Amino acid sequence: MSHPELRSPNTMSRPLVLLALHDLHAPTGLVEGLVAGGFETLVTSNQADTWSACRDRAPLAVVLSPVERPAEGPELSSLLELAEQHSGPALIVLTQHPEDLDAHAEIVDDFLPTDCDPALLARKLRFAIARRESLRQLDDKCSQLLQASLTDFKTGLPNDRQFSDRCREECSRAERADQPLAVLMIDVDHFGQLNKEFLHDFGDQALREIAAVLRSCLRPTDIAARRGGDEFAVLLPATPLREASEIAQRLRSRVAAHTVEHQGKSCQLSISVGVASWDPRDGGRFENTLKGADLAMQQAKRQGRDRVGVHSAPMPPTTEATSATVSPSE
């Protein structure tokens, strides 16, 4: 039995529904009934054509009739996998054995008997499509809110909360790979004075441009974040102390060479950077490395700013004693 693709005169405004009629005895009156009910209707008669139509046409809903038995076979499983996707179609199954679908109640949108009234199917489809769209919008909104809760709204960088999460992730990865993990702590020099002299709009622009410098200088695997105020932090996976120090100097030089211009005002900026690197094979704690980078940054500020301070821990690595060396600006 072949099923023609039926289209109404105004298909542009009508939702596309795929009728997967995978049986010679599948009801044919559904096609005409759905077209009359306001749907653009596409019909397939086997699993391969159904998958091709879903890929090429992206219908808003799929009606499968009848469902194979057992219901765990590839025909239904392939459509369940498709419907489970974020942008997947609604799935309605026509079956005389609804108990076969109990295990898939979270994915299948609805079921009807194989001899169902086309008008009832059209109503079920409208509800299922609308519900799917509402759930997608809700999911997108939740994703946006989650992203906003992890992002600094002024710079677009990860915020301190996300930085802490990434620290845990990168520590675990460093331990599995037996690789060092470096961290930079960055403070904008004289930022309070800049805000006082040029006002906060200028300060916000300066933060955005420093964030842009960080993005331009770092590798795709590096993680830059704004921790708050005028403080930034950078995670450098698989990076020993010497290489991290070179990256810090490159960042410091790039910021020092950059002029911030905003609403007719301009200003040269500088940053003080603290560097530390953690090697999981040494047995120390990464929290001490974070503290060490912060101490090195503070030491750099005390010794004149626009500098890179490098933190080092004497042997044995478990001791609380630390030291820092400071490299002057180039």
C-alpha atoms as a PDB file:
ATOM      1  CA  MET A   1       0.000   0.000   0.000  1.00  0.00           C
ATOM      2  CA  SER A   2       1.410   3.385  -0.936  1.00  0.00           C
ATOM      3  CA  HIS A   3       0.467   6.543   0.914  1.00  0.00           C
ATOM      4  CA  PRO A   4       0.631   9.844  -0.973  1.00  0.00           C
ATOM      5  CA  GLU A   5       1.944  12.960   0.689  1.00  0.00           C
ATOM      6  CA  LEU A   6      -1.086  15.192   1.119  1.00  0.00           C
ATOM      7  CA  ARG A   7      -0.772  18.941   1.458  1.00  0.00           C
ATOM      8  CA  SER A   8      -3.367  21.582   2.137  1.00  0.00           C
ATOM      9  CA  PRO A   9      -3.406  24.798   0.051  1.00  0.00           C
ATOM     10  CA  ASN A  10      -1.774  26.831   2.818  1.00  0.00           C
ATOM     11  CA  THR A  11       0.971  24.499   4.076  1.00  0.00           C
ATOM     12  CA  MET A  12       3.303  27.272   5.220  1.00  0.00           C
ATOM     13  CA  SER A  13       1.218  27.944   8.358  1.00  0.00           C
ATOM     14  CA  ARG A  14       0.294  24.326   9.068  1.00  0.00           C
ATOM     15  CA  PRO A  15       2.326  22.058  11.389  1.00  0.00           C
ATOM     16  CA  LEU A  16       3.950  19.105   9.672  1.00  0.00           C
ATOM     17  CA  VAL A  17       2.964  15.678  11.004  1.00  0.00           C
ATOM     18  CA  LEU A  18       4.569  12.429   9.876  1.00  0.00           C
ATOM     19  CA  LEU A  19       2.293   9.402   9.697  1.00  0.00           C
ATOM     20  CA  ALA A  20       4.528   6.340  10.009  1.00  0.00           C
ATOM     21  CA  LEU A  21       2.046   3.732   8.764  1.00  0.00           C
ATOM     22  CA  HIS A  22       4.296   0.682   8.890  1.00  0.00           C
ATOM     23  CA  ASP A  23       1.647  -1.897   8.104  1.00  0.00           C
ATOM     24  CA  LEU A  24      -0.493  -2.802   5.120  1.00  0.00           C
ATOM     25  CA  HIS A  25      -3.573  -2.630   7.310  1.00  0.00           C
ATOM     26  CA  ALA A  26      -2.846   0.779   8.818  1.00  0.00           C
ATOM     27  CA  PRO A  27      -5.857   3.098   8.659  1.00  0.00           C
ATOM     28  CA  THR A  28      -5.810   5.324   5.575  1.00  0.00           C
ATOM     29  CA  GLY A  29      -8.559   7.687   6.680  1.00  0.00           C
ATOM     30  CA  LEU A  30      -6.147   9.344   9.086  1.00  0.00           C
ATOM     31  CA  VAL A  31      -4.363  11.106   6.259  1.00  0.00           C
ATOM     32  CA  GLU A  32      -7.421  12.910   4.961  1.00  0.00           C
ATOM     33  CA  GLY A  33      -8.650  13.553   8.507  1.00  0.00           C
ATOM     34  CA  LEU A  34      -5.425  15.260   9.584  1.00  0.00           C
ATOM     35  CA  VAL A  35      -5.298  17.407   6.473  1.00  0.00           C
ATOM     36  CA  ALA A  36      -8.871  18.454   7.152  1.00  0.00           C
ATOM     37  CA  GLY A  37      -7.849  19.147  10.757  1.00  0.00           C
ATOM     38  CA  GLY A  38      -5.243  21.704   9.731  1.00  0.00           C
ATOM     39  CA  PHE A  39      -2.041  19.658   9.428  1.00  0.00           C
ATOM     40  CA  GLU A  40       0.432  19.225   6.630  1.00  0.00           C
ATOM     41  CA  THR A  41       0.745  15.467   6.430  1.00  0.00           C
ATOM     42  CA  LEU A  42       3.618  13.320   5.247  1.00  0.00           C
ATOM     43  CA  VAL A  43       3.297   9.522   5.076  1.00  0.00           C
ATOM     44  CA  THR A  44       5.950   6.805   5.217  1.00  0.00           C
ATOM     45  CA  SER A  45       5.526   3.048   5.134  1.00  0.00           C
ATOM     46  CA  ASN A  46       8.810   1.702   6.529  1.00  0.00           C
ATOM     47  CA  GLN A  47      11.413   2.501   9.150  1.00  0.00           C
ATOM     48  CA  ALA A  48      14.094   3.690   6.724  1.00  0.00           C
ATOM     49  CA  ASP A  49      11.781   6.189   5.029  1.00  0.00           C
ATOM     50  CA  THR A  50      10.533   7.367   8.425  1.00  0.00           C
ATOM     51  CA  TRP A  51      14.059   8.146   9.621  1.00  0.00           C
ATOM     52  CA  SER A  52      14.895   9.912   6.360  1.00  0.00           C
ATOM     53  CA  ALA A  53      11.728  12.022   6.599  1.00  0.00           C
ATOM     54  CA  CYS A  54      12.435  12.921  10.234  1.00  0.00           C
ATOM     55  CA  ARG A  55      15.961  13.981   9.324  1.00  0.00           C
ATOM     56  CA  ASP A  56      15.080  15.915   6.178  1.00  0.00           C
ATOM     57  CA  ARG A  57      11.718  17.437   7.125  1.00  0.00           C
ATOM     58  CA  ALA A  58      11.847  17.693  10.957  1.00  0.00           C
ATOM     59  CA  PRO A  59       8.117  17.091  11.605  1.00  0.00           C
ATOM     60  CA  LEU A  60       6.621  18.494  14.795  1.00  0.00           C
ATOM     61  CA  ALA A  61       4.953  15.147  15.533  1.00  0.00           C
ATOM     62  CA  VAL A  62       5.146  11.507  14.486  1.00  0.00           C
ATOM     63  CA  VAL A  63       2.194   9.114  14.580  1.00  0.00           C
ATOM     64  CA  LEU A  64       3.272   5.462  14.559  1.00  0.00           C
ATOM     65  CA  SER A  65       0.688   2.860  13.551  1.00  0.00           C
ATOM     66  CA  PRO A  66       0.656   0.134  14.519  1.00  0.00           C
ATOM     67  CA  VAL A  67       3.430  -0.417  17.067  1.00  0.00           C
ATOM     68  CA  GLU A  68       5.411  -3.608  16.596  1.00  0.00           C
ATOM     69  CA  ARG A  69       5.353  -6.359  19.193  1.00  0.00           C
ATOM     70  CA  PRO A  70       7.382  -6.697  21.253  1.00  0.00           C
ATOM     71  CA  ALA A  71       7.557  -2.934  21.716  1.00  0.00           C
ATOM     72  CA  GLU A  72      11.287  -3.084  22.447  1.00  0.00           C
ATOM     73  CA  GLY A  73      12.112  -3.637  18.777  1.00  0.00           C
ATOM     74  CA  PRO A  74      14.069  -1.209  16.570  1.00  0.00           C
ATOM     75  CA  GLU A  75      10.999   0.468  15.060  1.00  0.00           C
ATOM     76  CA  LEU A  76       9.686   2.040  18.271  1.00  0.00           C
ATOM     77  CA  SER A  77      13.129   2.342  19.860  1.00  0.00           C
ATOM     78  CA  SER A  78      14.396   4.507  17.017  1.00  0.00           C
ATOM     79  CA  LEU A  79      11.425   6.887  17.332  1.00  0.00           C
ATOM     80  CA  LEU A  80      11.746   7.000  21.139  1.00  0.00           C
ATOM     81  CA  GLU A  81      15.376   8.028  20.746  1.00  0.00           C
ATOM     82  CA  LEU A  82      14.335  10.786  18.360  1.00  0.00           C
ATOM     83  CA  ALA A  83      11.445  12.018  20.548  1.00  0.00           C
ATOM     84  CA  GLU A  84      13.707  12.141  23.606  1.00  0.00           C
ATOM     85  CA  GLN A  85      15.920  14.800  22.022  1.00  0.00           C
ATOM     86  CA  HIS A  86      15.464  18.433  23.021  1.00  0.00           C
ATOM     87  CA  SER A  87      14.119  19.411  19.587  1.00  0.00           C
ATOM     88  CA  GLY A  88      12.553  16.020  18.876  1.00  0.00           C
ATOM     89  CA  PRO A  89       8.970  15.572  17.658  1.00  0.00           C
ATOM     90  CA  ALA A  90       5.967  14.641  19.740  1.00  0.00           C
ATOM     91  CA  LEU A  91       5.245  10.922  19.472  1.00  0.00           C
ATOM     92  CA  ILE A  92       1.772   9.393  19.419  1.00  0.00           C
ATOM     93  CA  VAL A  93       1.391   5.628  19.044  1.00  0.00           C
ATOM     94  CA  LEU A  94      -1.680   3.859  17.694  1.00  0.00           C
ATOM     95  CA  THR A  95      -1.941   0.463  19.351  1.00  0.00           C
ATOM     96  CA  GLN A  96      -4.389  -2.118  20.634  1.00  0.00           C
ATOM     97  CA  HIS A  97      -1.898  -3.017  23.360  1.00  0.00           C
ATOM     98  CA  PRO A  98      -1.224   0.158  25.394  1.00  0.00           C
ATOM     99  CA  GLU A  99       0.291  -1.912  28.199  1.00  0.00           C
ATOM    100  CA  ASP A 100       3.313  -2.423  25.919  1.00  0.00           C
ATOM    101  CA  LEU A 101       4.081   1.294  26.295  1.00  0.00           C
ATOM    102  CA  ASP A 102       4.171   1.438  30.099  1.00  0.00           C
ATOM    103  CA  ALA A 103       7.971   1.390  30.157  1.00  0.00           C
ATOM    104  CA  HIS A 104       8.074   4.406  27.823  1.00  0.00           C
ATOM    105  CA  ALA A 105       5.486   6.621  29.524  1.00  0.00           C
ATOM    106  CA  GLU A 106       7.999   9.458  30.022  1.00  0.00           C
ATOM    107  CA  ILE A 107       8.688   9.740  26.286  1.00  0.00           C
ATOM    108  CA  VAL A 108       5.529   8.730  24.425  1.00  0.00           C
ATOM    109  CA  ASP A 109       3.207  11.742  24.392  1.00  0.00           C
ATOM    110  CA  ASP A 110      -0.002   9.779  23.989  1.00  0.00           C
ATOM    111  CA  PHE A 111      -1.570   6.609  22.568  1.00  0.00           C
ATOM    112  CA  LEU A 112      -4.831   5.815  20.834  1.00  0.00           C
ATOM    113  CA  PRO A 113      -6.425   2.668  19.399  1.00  0.00           C
ATOM    114  CA  THR A 114      -5.551   1.880  15.814  1.00  0.00           C
ATOM    115  CA  ASP A 115      -9.137   2.578  14.715  1.00  0.00           C
ATOM    116  CA  CYS A 116      -9.227   5.996  16.361  1.00  0.00           C
ATOM    117  CA  ASP A 117     -11.282   8.875  15.046  1.00  0.00           C
ATOM    118  CA  PRO A 118      -9.107  11.230  12.919  1.00  0.00           C
ATOM    119  CA  ALA A 119     -10.659  14.280  14.601  1.00  0.00           C
ATOM    120  CA  LEU A 120      -9.642  12.921  18.029  1.00  0.00           C
ATOM    121  CA  LEU A 121      -6.118  12.266  16.753  1.00  0.00           C
ATOM    122  CA  ALA A 122      -5.937  15.838  15.443  1.00  0.00           C
ATOM    123  CA  ARG A 123      -6.866  17.199  18.879  1.00  0.00           C
ATOM    124  CA  LYS A 124      -4.308  14.946  20.586  1.00  0.00           C
ATOM    125  CA  LEU A 125      -1.658  16.146  18.147  1.00  0.00           C
ATOM    126  CA  ARG A 126      -2.406  19.808  18.792  1.00  0.00           C
ATOM    127  CA  PHE A 127      -2.108  19.291  22.547  1.00  0.00           C
ATOM    128  CA  ALA A 128       1.068  17.202  22.226  1.00  0.00           C
ATOM    129  CA  ILE A 129       2.789  19.698  19.913  1.00  0.00           C
ATOM    130  CA  ALA A 130       1.844  22.644  22.142  1.00  0.00           C
ATOM    131  CA  ARG A 131       3.022  20.809  25.266  1.00  0.00           C
ATOM    132  CA  ARG A 132       6.339  19.921  23.638  1.00  0.00           C
ATOM    133  CA  GLU A 133       6.916  23.524  22.615  1.00  0.00           C
ATOM    134  CA  SER A 134       6.084  24.780  26.115  1.00  0.00           C
ATOM    135  CA  LEU A 135       8.495  22.291  27.669  1.00  0.00           C
ATOM    136  CA  ARG A 136      11.222  23.297  25.204  1.00  0.00           C
ATOM    137  CA  GLN A 137      10.741  26.960  26.059  1.00  0.00           C
ATOM    138  CA  LEU A 138      10.833  26.159  29.773  1.00  0.00           C
ATOM    139  CA  ASP A 139      13.979  24.081  29.327  1.00  0.00           C
ATOM    140  CA  ASP A 140      15.634  26.873  27.343  1.00  0.00           C
ATOM    141  CA  LYS A 141      14.679  29.392  30.018  1.00  0.00           C
ATOM    142  CA  CYS A 142      16.107  27.174  32.765  1.00  0.00           C
ATOM    143  CA  SER A 143      19.323  26.778  30.771  1.00  0.00           C
ATOM    144  CA  GLN A 144      19.551  30.549  30.345  1.00  0.00           C
ATOM    145  CA  LEU A 145      18.997  31.118  34.067  1.00  0.00           C
ATOM    146  CA  LEU A 146      21.603  28.506  34.968  1.00  0.00           C
ATOM    147  CA  GLN A 147      24.095  30.080  32.583  1.00  0.00           C
ATOM    148  CA  ALA A 148      23.348  33.523  34.009  1.00  0.00           C
ATOM    149  CA  SER A 149      23.965  32.228  37.538  1.00  0.00           C
ATOM    150  CA  LEU A 150      27.414  31.024  36.463  1.00  0.00           C
ATOM    151  CA  THR A 151      28.427  34.027  34.353  1.00  0.00           C
ATOM    152  CA  ASP A 152      29.690  37.469  35.307  1.00  0.00           C
ATOM    153  CA  PHE A 153      27.229  39.839  33.654  1.00  0.00           C
ATOM    154  CA  LYS A 154      29.751  42.640  33.142  1.00  0.00           C
ATOM    155  CA  THR A 155      32.454  40.660  31.335  1.00  0.00           C
ATOM    156  CA  GLY A 156      30.749  37.496  30.133  1.00  0.00           C
ATOM    157  CA  LEU A 157      33.442  35.419  31.855  1.00  0.00           C
ATOM    158  CA  PRO A 158      32.650  32.618  34.306  1.00  0.00           C
ATOM    159  CA  ASN A 159      31.989  33.977  37.784  1.00  0.00           C
ATOM    160  CA  ASP A 160      33.542  32.857  41.054  1.00  0.00           C
ATOM    161  CA  ARG A 161      30.998  30.074  41.542  1.00  0.00           C
ATOM    162  CA  GLN A 162      31.729  28.556  38.144  1.00  0.00           C
ATOM    163  CA  PHE A 163      35.472  29.045  38.693  1.00  0.00           C
ATOM    164  CA  SER A 164      35.233  26.941  41.870  1.00  0.00           C
ATOM    165  CA  ASP A 165      33.355  24.232  39.962  1.00  0.00           C
ATOM    166  CA  ARG A 166      35.949  24.229  37.210  1.00  0.00           C
ATOM    167  CA  CYS A 167      38.750  24.010  39.776  1.00  0.00           C
ATOM    168  CA  ARG A 168      37.275  20.751  41.049  1.00  0.00           C
ATOM    169  CA  GLU A 169      36.843  19.404  37.522  1.00  0.00           C
ATOM    170  CA  GLU A 170      40.360  20.326  36.442  1.00  0.00           C
ATOM    171  CA  CYS A 171      41.883  18.941  39.632  1.00  0.00           C
ATOM    172  CA  SER A 172      40.243  15.588  38.959  1.00  0.00           C
ATOM    173  CA  ARG A 173      41.453  15.660  35.365  1.00  0.00           C
ATOM    174  CA  ALA A 174      44.993  16.577  36.441  1.00  0.00           C
ATOM    175  CA  GLU A 175      45.040  13.697  38.927  1.00  0.00           C
ATOM    176  CA  ARG A 176      43.890  11.207  36.288  1.00  0.00           C
ATOM    177  CA  ALA A 177      46.466  12.431  33.772  1.00  0.00           C
ATOM    178  CA  ASP A 178      49.304  13.062  36.275  1.00  0.00           C
ATOM    179  CA  GLN A 179      49.722  16.577  34.873  1.00  0.00           C
ATOM    180  CA  PRO A 180      50.322  19.931  36.593  1.00  0.00           C
ATOM    181  CA  LEU A 181      47.575  22.525  36.964  1.00  0.00           C
ATOM    182  CA  ALA A 182      48.604  26.175  37.168  1.00  0.00           C
ATOM    183  CA  VAL A 183      46.607  29.132  38.396  1.00  0.00           C
ATOM    184  CA  LEU A 184      46.954  32.894  37.936  1.00  0.00           C
ATOM    185  CA  MET A 185      45.459  35.434  40.307  1.00  0.00           C
ATOM    186  CA  ILE A 186      45.091  38.862  38.694  1.00  0.00           C
ATOM    187  CA  ASP A 187      44.304  42.229  40.255  1.00  0.00           C
ATOM    188  CA  VAL A 188      43.807  45.478  38.326  1.00  0.00           C
ATOM    189  CA  ASP A 189      46.166  48.125  39.698  1.00  0.00           C
ATOM    190  CA  HIS A 190      44.633  51.307  41.173  1.00  0.00           C
ATOM    191  CA  PHE A 191      41.141  50.252  40.113  1.00  0.00           C
ATOM    192  CA  GLY A 192      39.461  52.115  42.978  1.00  0.00           C
ATOM    193  CA  GLN A 193      41.198  55.322  41.944  1.00  0.00           C
ATOM    194  CA  LEU A 194      40.170  54.731  38.313  1.00  0.00           C
ATOM    195  CA  ASN A 195      36.510  54.398  39.342  1.00  0.00           C
ATOM    196  CA  LYS A 196      36.761  57.552  41.440  1.00  0.00           C
ATOM    197  CA  GLU A 197      38.409  59.614  38.714  1.00  0.00           C
ATOM    198  CA  PHE A 198      36.580  58.323  35.621  1.00  0.00           C
ATOM    199  CA  LEU A 199      33.360  56.971  37.245  1.00  0.00           C
ATOM    200  CA  HIS A 200      32.042  53.445  37.250  1.00  0.00           C
ATOM    201  CA  ASP A 201      30.960  53.279  33.598  1.00  0.00           C
ATOM    202  CA  PHE A 202      34.583  53.681  32.614  1.00  0.00           C
ATOM    203  CA  GLY A 203      35.605  51.055  35.171  1.00  0.00           C
ATOM    204  CA  ASP A 204      33.083  48.598  33.750  1.00  0.00           C
ATOM    205  CA  GLN A 205      34.472  49.205  30.269  1.00  0.00           C
ATOM    206  CA  ALA A 206      37.984  48.572  31.593  1.00  0.00           C
ATOM    207  CA  LEU A 207      36.865  45.241  33.069  1.00  0.00           C
ATOM    208  CA  ARG A 208      35.302  44.210  29.755  1.00  0.00           C
ATOM    209  CA  GLU A 209      38.459  45.055  27.850  1.00  0.00           C
ATOM    210  CA  ILE A 210      40.685  43.186  30.301  1.00  0.00           C
ATOM    211  CA  ALA A 211      38.392  40.182  29.854  1.00  0.00           C
ATOM    212  CA  ALA A 212      38.843  40.524  26.091  1.00  0.00           C
ATOM    213  CA  VAL A 213      42.628  40.584  26.510  1.00  0.00           C
ATOM    214  CA  LEU A 214      42.454  37.417  28.597  1.00  0.00           C
ATOM    215  CA  ARG A 215      40.414  35.650  25.934  1.00  0.00           C
ATOM    216  CA  SER A 216      42.818  36.709  23.199  1.00  0.00           C
ATOM    217  CA  CYS A 217      45.940  35.548  25.038  1.00  0.00           C
ATOM    218  CA  LEU A 218      44.780  32.233  26.470  1.00  0.00           C
ATOM    219  CA  ARG A 219      44.489  28.803  24.926  1.00  0.00           C
ATOM    220  CA  PRO A 220      41.076  27.199  24.257  1.00  0.00           C
ATOM    221  CA  THR A 221      41.632  24.826  27.195  1.00  0.00           C
ATOM    222  CA  ASP A 222      42.398  27.630  29.681  1.00  0.00           C
ATOM    223  CA  ILE A 223      39.645  28.979  31.941  1.00  0.00           C
ATOM    224  CA  ALA A 224      39.490  32.691  32.775  1.00  0.00           C
ATOM    225  CA  ALA A 225      37.017  34.015  35.355  1.00  0.00           C
ATOM    226  CA  ARG A 226      36.122  37.211  37.133  1.00  0.00           C
ATOM    227  CA  ARG A 227      36.059  36.495  40.841  1.00  0.00           C
ATOM    228  CA  GLY A 228      34.619  39.858  41.830  1.00  0.00           C
ATOM    229  CA  GLY A 229      35.552  43.538  41.940  1.00  0.00           C
ATOM    230  CA  ASP A 230      38.786  44.002  40.019  1.00  0.00           C
ATOM    231  CA  GLU A 231      40.022  40.433  40.545  1.00  0.00           C
ATOM    232  CA  PHE A 232      40.367  37.800  37.839  1.00  0.00           C
ATOM    233  CA  ALA A 233      41.646  34.241  37.930  1.00  0.00           C
ATOM    234  CA  VAL A 234      42.895  31.845  35.266  1.00  0.00           C
ATOM    235  CA  LEU A 235      43.250  28.063  35.321  1.00  0.00           C
ATOM    236  CA  LEU A 236      45.962  26.651  33.070  1.00  0.00           C
ATOM    237  CA  PRO A 237      45.582  22.878  32.652  1.00  0.00           C
ATOM    238  CA  ALA A 238      48.696  20.756  31.990  1.00  0.00           C
ATOM    239  CA  THR A 239      50.933  23.774  32.638  1.00  0.00           C
ATOM    240  CA  PRO A 240      54.117  23.731  34.758  1.00  0.00           C
ATOM    241  CA  LEU A 241      55.208  26.758  36.760  1.00  0.00           C
ATOM    242  CA  ARG A 242      57.723  28.116  34.231  1.00  0.00           C
ATOM    243  CA  GLU A 243      55.238  28.076  31.354  1.00  0.00           C
ATOM    244  CA  ALA A 244      52.543  29.602  33.558  1.00  0.00           C
ATOM    245  CA  SER A 245      54.934  32.437  34.452  1.00  0.00           C
ATOM    246  CA  GLU A 246      55.528  33.124  30.774  1.00  0.00           C
ATOM    247  CA  ILE A 247      51.789  33.255  30.125  1.00  0.00           C
ATOM    248  CA  ALA A 248      51.380  35.639  33.065  1.00  0.00           C
ATOM    249  CA  GLN A 249      54.064  37.959  31.710  1.00  0.00           C
ATOM    250  CA  ARG A 250      52.388  37.920  28.289  1.00  0.00           C
ATOM    251  CA  LEU A 251      49.067  38.900  29.850  1.00  0.00           C
ATOM    252  CA  ARG A 252      50.687  41.640  31.932  1.00  0.00           C
ATOM    253  CA  SER A 253      52.467  43.067  28.867  1.00  0.00           C
ATOM    254  CA  ARG A 254      49.341  42.943  26.705  1.00  0.00           C
ATOM    255  CA  VAL A 255      47.263  44.804  29.307  1.00  0.00           C
ATOM    256  CA  ALA A 256      50.009  47.404  29.849  1.00  0.00           C
ATOM    257  CA  ALA A 257      50.077  48.090  26.108  1.00  0.00           C
ATOM    258  CA  HIS A 258      46.314  48.483  25.918  1.00  0.00           C
ATOM    259  CA  THR A 259      44.533  51.832  26.154  1.00  0.00           C
ATOM    260  CA  VAL A 260      40.953  51.904  27.406  1.00  0.00           C
ATOM    261  CA  GLU A 261      38.831  54.561  25.703  1.00  0.00           C
ATOM    262  CA  HIS A 262      35.260  55.305  26.744  1.00  0.00           C
ATOM    263  CA  GLN A 263      33.047  58.361  26.216  1.00  0.00           C
ATOM    264  CA  GLY A 264      35.969  60.605  25.324  1.00  0.00           C
ATOM    265  CA  LYS A 265      38.181  59.458  28.197  1.00  0.00           C
ATOM    266  CA  SER A 266      41.250  57.243  27.950  1.00  0.00           C
ATOM    267  CA  CYS A 267      43.511  55.488  30.410  1.00  0.00           C
ATOM    268  CA  GLN A 268      46.428  53.054  30.490  1.00  0.00           C
ATOM    269  CA  LEU A 269      45.920  50.050  32.754  1.00  0.00           C
ATOM    270  CA  SER A 270      48.215  47.608  34.479  1.00  0.00           C
ATOM    271  CA  ILE A 271      47.728  44.385  36.381  1.00  0.00           C
ATOM    272  CA  SER A 272      49.550  42.505  39.104  1.00  0.00           C
ATOM    273  CA  VAL A 273      49.632  38.735  38.659  1.00  0.00           C
ATOM    274  CA  GLY A 274      50.351  35.895  41.062  1.00  0.00           C
ATOM    275  CA  VAL A 275      51.376  32.506  39.655  1.00  0.00           C
ATOM    276  CA  ALA A 276      51.405  29.058  41.225  1.00  0.00           C
ATOM    277  CA  SER A 277      51.334  25.514  39.868  1.00  0.00           C
ATOM    278  CA  TRP A 278      50.071  22.305  41.461  1.00  0.00           C
ATOM    279  CA  ASP A 279      51.404  18.851  40.648  1.00  0.00           C
ATOM    280  CA  PRO A 280      49.138  16.054  41.949  1.00  0.00           C
ATOM    281  CA  ARG A 281      52.138  13.707  42.111  1.00  0.00           C
ATOM    282  CA  ASP A 282      53.653  15.845  44.897  1.00  0.00           C
ATOM    283  CA  GLY A 283      50.812  15.104  47.287  1.00  0.00           C
ATOM    284  CA  GLY A 284      49.947  18.703  48.133  1.00  0.00           C
ATOM    285  CA  ARG A 285      46.491  20.286  48.148  1.00  0.00           C
ATOM    286  CA  PHE A 286      45.280  22.484  45.305  1.00  0.00           C
ATOM    287  CA  GLU A 287      43.689  24.848  47.838  1.00  0.00           C
ATOM    288  CA  ASN A 288      47.210  25.761  48.998  1.00  0.00           C
ATOM    289  CA  THR A 289      48.133  26.516  45.386  1.00  0.00           C
ATOM    290  CA  LEU A 290      45.226  28.945  45.132  1.00  0.00           C
ATOM    291  CA  LYS A 291      46.380  30.628  48.327  1.00  0.00           C
ATOM    292  CA  GLY A 292      49.941  30.714  47.053  1.00  0.00           C
ATOM    293  CA  ALA A 293      48.941  32.437  43.811  1.00  0.00           C
ATOM    294  CA  ASP A 294      46.978  34.994  45.824  1.00  0.00           C
ATOM    295  CA  LEU A 295      49.955  35.639  48.121  1.00  0.00           C
ATOM    296  CA  ALA A 296      52.247  36.060  45.120  1.00  0.00           C
ATOM    297  CA  MET A 297      49.828  38.566  43.582  1.00  0.00           C
ATOM    298  CA  GLN A 298      49.695  40.578  46.797  1.00  0.00           C
ATOM    299  CA  GLN A 299      53.488  40.549  46.974  1.00  0.00           C
ATOM    300  CA  ALA A 300      53.664  41.864  43.413  1.00  0.00           C
ATOM    301  CA  LYS A 301      51.383  44.752  44.352  1.00  0.00           C
ATOM    302  CA  ARG A 302      53.449  45.578  47.429  1.00  0.00           C
ATOM    303  CA  GLN A 303      56.615  45.693  45.348  1.00  0.00           C
ATOM    304  CA  GLY A 304      55.360  48.229  42.836  1.00  0.00           C
ATOM    305  CA  ARG A 305      52.448  46.720  40.837  1.00  0.00           C
ATOM    306  CA  ASP A 306      52.496  45.935  37.102  1.00  0.00           C
ATOM    307  CA  ARG A 307      54.458  42.824  38.032  1.00  0.00           C
ATOM    308  CA  VAL A 308      54.268  39.026  38.080  1.00  0.00           C
ATOM    309  CA  GLY A 309      54.812  37.230  41.369  1.00  0.00           C
ATOM    310  CA  VAL A 310      55.695  33.538  41.315  1.00  0.00           C
ATOM    311  CA  HIS A 311      54.842  31.328  44.263  1.00  0.00           C
ATOM    312  CA  SER A 312      57.031  28.400  45.236  1.00  0.00           C
ATOM    313  CA  ALA A 313      56.794  25.900  48.095  1.00  0.00           C
ATOM    314  CA  PRO A 314      59.936  24.453  49.667  1.00  0.00           C
ATOM    315  CA  MET A 315      60.360  20.708  50.175  1.00  0.00           C
ATOM    316  CA  PRO A 316      58.675  18.749  51.566  1.00  0.00           C
ATOM    317  CA  PRO A 317      55.530  19.761  49.621  1.00  0.00           C
ATOM    318  CA  THR A 318      53.126  19.208  52.534  1.00  0.00           C
ATOM    319  CA  THR A 319      54.620  22.003  54.632  1.00  0.00           C
ATOM    320  CA  GLU A 320      52.645  25.213  55.117  1.00  0.00           C
ATOM    321  CA  ALA A 321      55.741  27.370  54.578  1.00  0.00           C
ATOM    322  CA  THR A 322      55.783  29.240  51.265  1.00  0.00           C
ATOM    323  CA  SER A 323      57.857  31.785  49.469  1.00  0.00           C
ATOM    324  CA  ALA A 324      57.367  34.035  46.485  1.00  0.00           C
ATOM    325  CA  THR A 325      59.585  35.758  43.976  1.00  0.00           C
ATOM    326  CA  VAL A 326      58.497  38.801  42.026  1.00  0.00           C
ATOM    327  CA  SER A 327      59.438  39.612  38.463  1.00  0.00           C
ATOM    328  CA  PRO A 328      59.454  43.357  37.672  1.00  0.00           C
ATOM    329  CA  SER A 329      57.656  44.738  34.690  1.00  0.00           C
ATOM    330  CA  GLU A 330      59.489  44.402  31.428  1.00  0.00           C
END
